[in-house]
């Protein structure tokens, strides 16, 4: 099940799996599949939102269309479930975002790291033993492109009142 964009999703899974020592898997949350063996990570995408106050940039393509570029941001919630060192594993993931190679790989996929929240210990008792879990949100930005058709204006009619009994009327038809 693709939530947003397969390129983004694959890049995020690769980032988590490739930068936390000893993980057996990094998977999307809420899947109809067996749980991986410990330690593993789950990712959950929180709904993307359009950047507040972000101006949509447009580029004209010939005489018939233009491309509009919209800026979005999204949070990715990462959980690491482990039988030991779960805080250190999350720290490894945080520190990976200081690497230019990691940031370049994410940028190549169209994702731009923006920031992160604090980690939360979500350890809980399951049956007779504890499941050690830590969660943290990471914010990324991306650009979505749409192509729009340019619609020709057939006729413009305008009346300009200049005061002192002067009025200008314009009636222009496309030729």
C-alpha atoms as a PDB file:
ATOM      1  CA  UNK A   1       0.000   0.000   0.000  1.00  0.00           C
ATOM      2  CA  UNK A   2       1.511   3.293  -1.093  1.00  0.00           C
ATOM      3  CA  UNK A   3       0.625   6.220   1.133  1.00  0.00           C
ATOM      4  CA  UNK A   4       2.041   9.102  -0.872  1.00  0.00           C
ATOM      5  CA  UNK A   5       4.795   8.422  -3.354  1.00  0.00           C
ATOM      6  CA  UNK A   6       6.743   5.168  -3.752  1.00  0.00           C
ATOM      7  CA  UNK A   7      10.035   7.052  -4.280  1.00  0.00           C
ATOM      8  CA  UNK A   8       9.589   8.935  -0.991  1.00  0.00           C
ATOM      9  CA  UNK A   9       8.541   5.813   0.883  1.00  0.00           C
ATOM     10  CA  UNK A  10      11.470   3.747  -0.392  1.00  0.00           C
ATOM     11  CA  UNK A  11      13.934   6.517   0.479  1.00  0.00           C
ATOM     12  CA  UNK A  12      12.568   6.798   4.037  1.00  0.00           C
ATOM     13  CA  UNK A  13      12.696   3.022   4.619  1.00  0.00           C
ATOM     14  CA  UNK A  14      16.270   2.931   3.247  1.00  0.00           C
ATOM     15  CA  UNK A  15      17.267   5.855   5.501  1.00  0.00           C
ATOM     16  CA  UNK A  16      15.990   4.160   8.667  1.00  0.00           C
ATOM     17  CA  UNK A  17      17.142   0.638   7.828  1.00  0.00           C
ATOM     18  CA  UNK A  18      20.557   1.781   6.609  1.00  0.00           C
ATOM     19  CA  UNK A  19      21.398   3.977   9.588  1.00  0.00           C
ATOM     20  CA  UNK A  20      20.365   2.006  12.674  1.00  0.00           C
ATOM     21  CA  UNK A  21      22.745  -0.797  13.646  1.00  0.00           C
ATOM     22  CA  UNK A  22      21.303  -4.290  13.915  1.00  0.00           C
ATOM     23  CA  UNK A  23      17.753  -3.736  12.660  1.00  0.00           C
ATOM     24  CA  UNK A  24      16.153  -6.838  11.168  1.00  0.00           C
ATOM     25  CA  UNK A  25      13.638  -4.689   9.257  1.00  0.00           C
ATOM     26  CA  UNK A  26      12.181  -1.230   8.753  1.00  0.00           C
ATOM     27  CA  UNK A  27       8.516  -1.406   7.723  1.00  0.00           C
ATOM     28  CA  UNK A  28       5.481   0.817   7.343  1.00  0.00           C
ATOM     29  CA  UNK A  29       3.119   0.748  10.299  1.00  0.00           C
ATOM     30  CA  UNK A  30      -0.384  -0.754  10.086  1.00  0.00           C
ATOM     31  CA  UNK A  31       0.408  -3.540   7.633  1.00  0.00           C
ATOM     32  CA  UNK A  32      -1.330  -6.901   7.398  1.00  0.00           C
ATOM     33  CA  UNK A  33       1.865  -8.855   7.956  1.00  0.00           C
ATOM     34  CA  UNK A  34       3.614 -10.661  10.810  1.00  0.00           C
ATOM     35  CA  UNK A  35       5.766  -8.565  13.107  1.00  0.00           C
ATOM     36  CA  UNK A  36       9.473  -8.736  12.243  1.00  0.00           C
ATOM     37  CA  UNK A  37      11.869 -10.175  14.803  1.00  0.00           C
ATOM     38  CA  UNK A  38      13.545  -7.736  17.207  1.00  0.00           C
ATOM     39  CA  UNK A  39      14.991  -5.192  16.764  1.00  0.00           C
ATOM     40  CA  UNK A  40      12.938  -3.513  14.040  1.00  0.00           C
ATOM     41  CA  UNK A  41      11.577  -0.092  13.130  1.00  0.00           C
ATOM     42  CA  UNK A  42       8.152   1.068  11.990  1.00  0.00           C
ATOM     43  CA  UNK A  43       7.400   4.255  10.091  1.00  0.00           C
ATOM     44  CA  UNK A  44       4.084   6.068  10.030  1.00  0.00           C
ATOM     45  CA  UNK A  45       3.386   8.945   7.684  1.00  0.00           C
ATOM     46  CA  UNK A  46       1.340  11.782   9.136  1.00  0.00           C
ATOM     47  CA  UNK A  47      -0.741  13.567   6.487  1.00  0.00           C
ATOM     48  CA  UNK A  48       1.217  16.115   4.428  1.00  0.00           C
ATOM     49  CA  UNK A  49       0.133  19.749   4.585  1.00  0.00           C
ATOM     50  CA  UNK A  50       0.770  22.639   2.223  1.00  0.00           C
ATOM     51  CA  UNK A  51       3.439  25.024   3.515  1.00  0.00           C
ATOM     52  CA  UNK A  52       1.785  27.998   5.261  1.00  0.00           C
ATOM     53  CA  UNK A  53       2.374  31.190   3.317  1.00  0.00           C
ATOM     54  CA  UNK A  54       4.383  29.391   0.643  1.00  0.00           C
ATOM     55  CA  UNK A  55       4.017  31.034  -2.734  1.00  0.00           C
ATOM     56  CA  UNK A  56       3.232  28.589  -5.535  1.00  0.00           C
ATOM     57  CA  UNK A  57       5.845  29.027  -8.249  1.00  0.00           C
ATOM     58  CA  UNK A  58       4.738  28.782 -11.867  1.00  0.00           C
ATOM     59  CA  UNK A  59       6.725  28.221 -15.049  1.00  0.00           C
ATOM     60  CA  UNK A  60       5.148  28.716 -18.468  1.00  0.00           C
ATOM     61  CA  UNK A  61       5.607  25.880 -20.958  1.00  0.00           C
ATOM     62  CA  UNK A  62       5.068  27.228 -24.454  1.00  0.00           C
ATOM     63  CA  UNK A  63       1.758  28.878 -25.283  1.00  0.00           C
ATOM     64  CA  UNK A  64      -0.604  26.217 -23.993  1.00  0.00           C
ATOM     65  CA  UNK A  65       0.320  25.270 -20.421  1.00  0.00           C
ATOM     66  CA  UNK A  66       2.311  26.020 -17.300  1.00  0.00           C
ATOM     67  CA  UNK A  67       3.736  24.018 -14.391  1.00  0.00           C
ATOM     68  CA  UNK A  68       2.891  24.942 -10.816  1.00  0.00           C
ATOM     69  CA  UNK A  69       5.212  23.913  -7.975  1.00  0.00           C
ATOM     70  CA  UNK A  70       3.557  23.538  -4.545  1.00  0.00           C
ATOM     71  CA  UNK A  71       5.606  23.185  -1.343  1.00  0.00           C
ATOM     72  CA  UNK A  72       4.499  20.649   1.279  1.00  0.00           C
ATOM     73  CA  UNK A  73       5.753  19.400   4.616  1.00  0.00           C
ATOM     74  CA  UNK A  74       5.101  16.076   6.327  1.00  0.00           C
ATOM     75  CA  UNK A  75       5.995  14.309   9.541  1.00  0.00           C
ATOM     76  CA  UNK A  76       7.298  10.774   9.590  1.00  0.00           C
ATOM     77  CA  UNK A  77       6.875   9.041  12.944  1.00  0.00           C
ATOM     78  CA  UNK A  78       9.579   6.420  13.565  1.00  0.00           C
ATOM     79  CA  UNK A  79       9.290   3.735  16.246  1.00  0.00           C
ATOM     80  CA  UNK A  80      12.199   1.504  17.171  1.00  0.00           C
ATOM     81  CA  UNK A  81      11.250  -1.690  18.973  1.00  0.00           C
ATOM     82  CA  UNK A  82      14.211  -3.455  20.544  1.00  0.00           C
ATOM     83  CA  UNK A  83      15.188  -5.657  23.461  1.00  0.00           C
ATOM     84  CA  UNK A  84      18.116  -3.371  24.332  1.00  0.00           C
ATOM     85  CA  UNK A  85      19.807  -0.077  23.480  1.00  0.00           C
ATOM     86  CA  UNK A  86      16.680   1.402  21.945  1.00  0.00           C
ATOM     87  CA  UNK A  87      17.652   4.947  22.971  1.00  0.00           C
ATOM     88  CA  UNK A  88      21.058   4.510  21.319  1.00  0.00           C
ATOM     89  CA  UNK A  89      19.421   3.187  18.159  1.00  0.00           C
ATOM     90  CA  UNK A  90      17.236   6.313  17.897  1.00  0.00           C
ATOM     91  CA  UNK A  91      20.304   8.433  18.565  1.00  0.00           C
ATOM     92  CA  UNK A  92      22.021   6.751  15.592  1.00  0.00           C
ATOM     93  CA  UNK A  93      19.072   7.690  13.398  1.00  0.00           C
ATOM     94  CA  UNK A  94      19.150  11.306  14.623  1.00  0.00           C
ATOM     95  CA  UNK A  95      22.904  11.547  14.013  1.00  0.00           C
ATOM     96  CA  UNK A  96      22.554  10.131  10.500  1.00  0.00           C
ATOM     97  CA  UNK A  97      20.880  13.398   9.504  1.00  0.00           C
ATOM     98  CA  UNK A  98      24.218  15.173  10.070  1.00  0.00           C
ATOM     99  CA  UNK A  99      25.665  13.147   7.187  1.00  0.00           C
ATOM    100  CA  UNK A 100      25.832  14.869   3.813  1.00  0.00           C
ATOM    101  CA  UNK A 101      25.547  11.449   2.124  1.00  0.00           C
ATOM    102  CA  UNK A 102      22.240  10.746   3.905  1.00  0.00           C
ATOM    103  CA  UNK A 103      20.865  14.207   3.134  1.00  0.00           C
ATOM    104  CA  UNK A 104      21.928  13.858  -0.511  1.00  0.00           C
ATOM    105  CA  UNK A 105      20.183  10.481  -0.811  1.00  0.00           C
ATOM    106  CA  UNK A 106      16.985  11.959   0.629  1.00  0.00           C
ATOM    107  CA  UNK A 107      17.285  15.021  -1.630  1.00  0.00           C
ATOM    108  CA  UNK A 108      17.753  12.766  -4.672  1.00  0.00           C
ATOM    109  CA  UNK A 109      14.378  11.214  -3.807  1.00  0.00           C
ATOM    110  CA  UNK A 110      12.856  14.716  -3.520  1.00  0.00           C
ATOM    111  CA  UNK A 111      12.808  14.939   0.299  1.00  0.00           C
ATOM    112  CA  UNK A 112      14.361  17.732   2.347  1.00  0.00           C
ATOM    113  CA  UNK A 113      14.972  17.266   6.078  1.00  0.00           C
ATOM    114  CA  UNK A 114      13.489  20.140   8.118  1.00  0.00           C
ATOM    115  CA  UNK A 115      13.744  19.131  11.765  1.00  0.00           C
ATOM    116  CA  UNK A 116      12.834  16.634  14.460  1.00  0.00           C
ATOM    117  CA  UNK A 117      10.931  16.440  17.699  1.00  0.00           C
ATOM    118  CA  UNK A 118      12.078  14.881  20.945  1.00  0.00           C
ATOM    119  CA  UNK A 119      11.997  11.135  21.442  1.00  0.00           C
ATOM    120  CA  UNK A 120       9.384   9.460  23.643  1.00  0.00           C
ATOM    121  CA  UNK A 121       9.859   6.213  25.554  1.00  0.00           C
ATOM    122  CA  UNK A 122       6.783   4.080  24.800  1.00  0.00           C
ATOM    123  CA  UNK A 123       7.929   0.931  26.612  1.00  0.00           C
ATOM    124  CA  UNK A 124       4.989  -1.159  27.787  1.00  0.00           C
ATOM    125  CA  UNK A 125       4.257  -4.435  29.497  1.00  0.00           C
ATOM    126  CA  UNK A 126       3.101  -7.182  27.112  1.00  0.00           C
ATOM    127  CA  UNK A 127       1.937 -10.316  28.888  1.00  0.00           C
ATOM    128  CA  UNK A 128       4.791 -10.937  31.358  1.00  0.00           C
ATOM    129  CA  UNK A 129       7.653  -8.948  29.837  1.00  0.00           C
ATOM    130  CA  UNK A 130       8.344  -5.439  28.618  1.00  0.00           C
ATOM    131  CA  UNK A 131       8.476  -4.408  24.974  1.00  0.00           C
ATOM    132  CA  UNK A 132      11.027  -1.614  24.691  1.00  0.00           C
ATOM    133  CA  UNK A 133       9.926   1.009  22.187  1.00  0.00           C
ATOM    134  CA  UNK A 134      10.996   4.567  21.411  1.00  0.00           C
ATOM    135  CA  UNK A 135       9.207   6.993  19.085  1.00  0.00           C
ATOM    136  CA  UNK A 136      10.293  10.215  17.391  1.00  0.00           C
ATOM    137  CA  UNK A 137       8.872  12.459  14.648  1.00  0.00           C
ATOM    138  CA  UNK A 138      10.986  13.793  11.776  1.00  0.00           C
ATOM    139  CA  UNK A 139       9.801  16.590   9.486  1.00  0.00           C
ATOM    140  CA  UNK A 140      10.526  16.618   5.770  1.00  0.00           C
ATOM    141  CA  UNK A 141       9.568  18.960   2.932  1.00  0.00           C
ATOM    142  CA  UNK A 142       8.910  18.204  -0.707  1.00  0.00           C
ATOM    143  CA  UNK A 143       7.597  19.871  -3.855  1.00  0.00           C
ATOM    144  CA  UNK A 144       4.573  18.647  -5.816  1.00  0.00           C
ATOM    145  CA  UNK A 145       4.242  19.659  -9.460  1.00  0.00           C
ATOM    146  CA  UNK A 146       1.005  20.090 -11.401  1.00  0.00           C
ATOM    147  CA  UNK A 147       0.546  21.052 -15.034  1.00  0.00           C
ATOM    148  CA  UNK A 148      -2.275  23.400 -15.943  1.00  0.00           C
ATOM    149  CA  UNK A 149      -3.681  24.403 -19.317  1.00  0.00           C
ATOM    150  CA  UNK A 150      -3.644  28.083 -20.241  1.00  0.00           C
ATOM    151  CA  UNK A 151      -7.142  29.220 -21.165  1.00  0.00           C
ATOM    152  CA  UNK A 152      -7.343  32.066 -23.649  1.00  0.00           C
ATOM    153  CA  UNK A 153      -9.416  35.088 -22.666  1.00  0.00           C
ATOM    154  CA  UNK A 154     -11.871  35.719 -25.498  1.00  0.00           C
ATOM    155  CA  UNK A 155     -13.026  39.221 -24.559  1.00  0.00           C
ATOM    156  CA  UNK A 156     -12.274  41.895 -21.947  1.00  0.00           C
ATOM    157  CA  UNK A 157     -14.757  44.607 -21.053  1.00  0.00           C
ATOM    158  CA  UNK A 158     -13.760  47.324 -18.590  1.00  0.00           C
ATOM    159  CA  UNK A 159     -15.119  50.672 -17.487  1.00  0.00           C
ATOM    160  CA  UNK A 160     -12.806  53.090 -15.737  1.00  0.00           C
ATOM    161  CA  UNK A 161     -14.357  56.056 -13.924  1.00  0.00           C
ATOM    162  CA  UNK A 162     -11.802  58.866 -13.798  1.00  0.00           C
ATOM    163  CA  UNK A 163     -14.077  61.336 -12.031  1.00  0.00           C
ATOM    164  CA  UNK A 164     -15.144  64.790 -13.271  1.00  0.00           C
ATOM    165  CA  UNK A 165     -17.550  63.208 -15.754  1.00  0.00           C
ATOM    166  CA  UNK A 166     -14.736  61.323 -17.541  1.00  0.00           C
ATOM    167  CA  UNK A 167     -15.327  57.645 -18.186  1.00  0.00           C
ATOM    168  CA  UNK A 168     -13.238  55.287 -20.333  1.00  0.00           C
ATOM    169  CA  UNK A 169     -14.839  52.203 -21.811  1.00  0.00           C
ATOM    170  CA  UNK A 170     -12.743  49.366 -23.179  1.00  0.00           C
ATOM    171  CA  UNK A 171     -14.152  46.473 -25.176  1.00  0.00           C
ATOM    172  CA  UNK A 172     -11.388  44.298 -26.566  1.00  0.00           C
ATOM    173  CA  UNK A 173     -11.976  41.015 -28.349  1.00  0.00           C
ATOM    174  CA  UNK A 174      -9.225  38.511 -29.093  1.00  0.00           C
ATOM    175  CA  UNK A 175      -8.309  38.382 -32.770  1.00  0.00           C
END
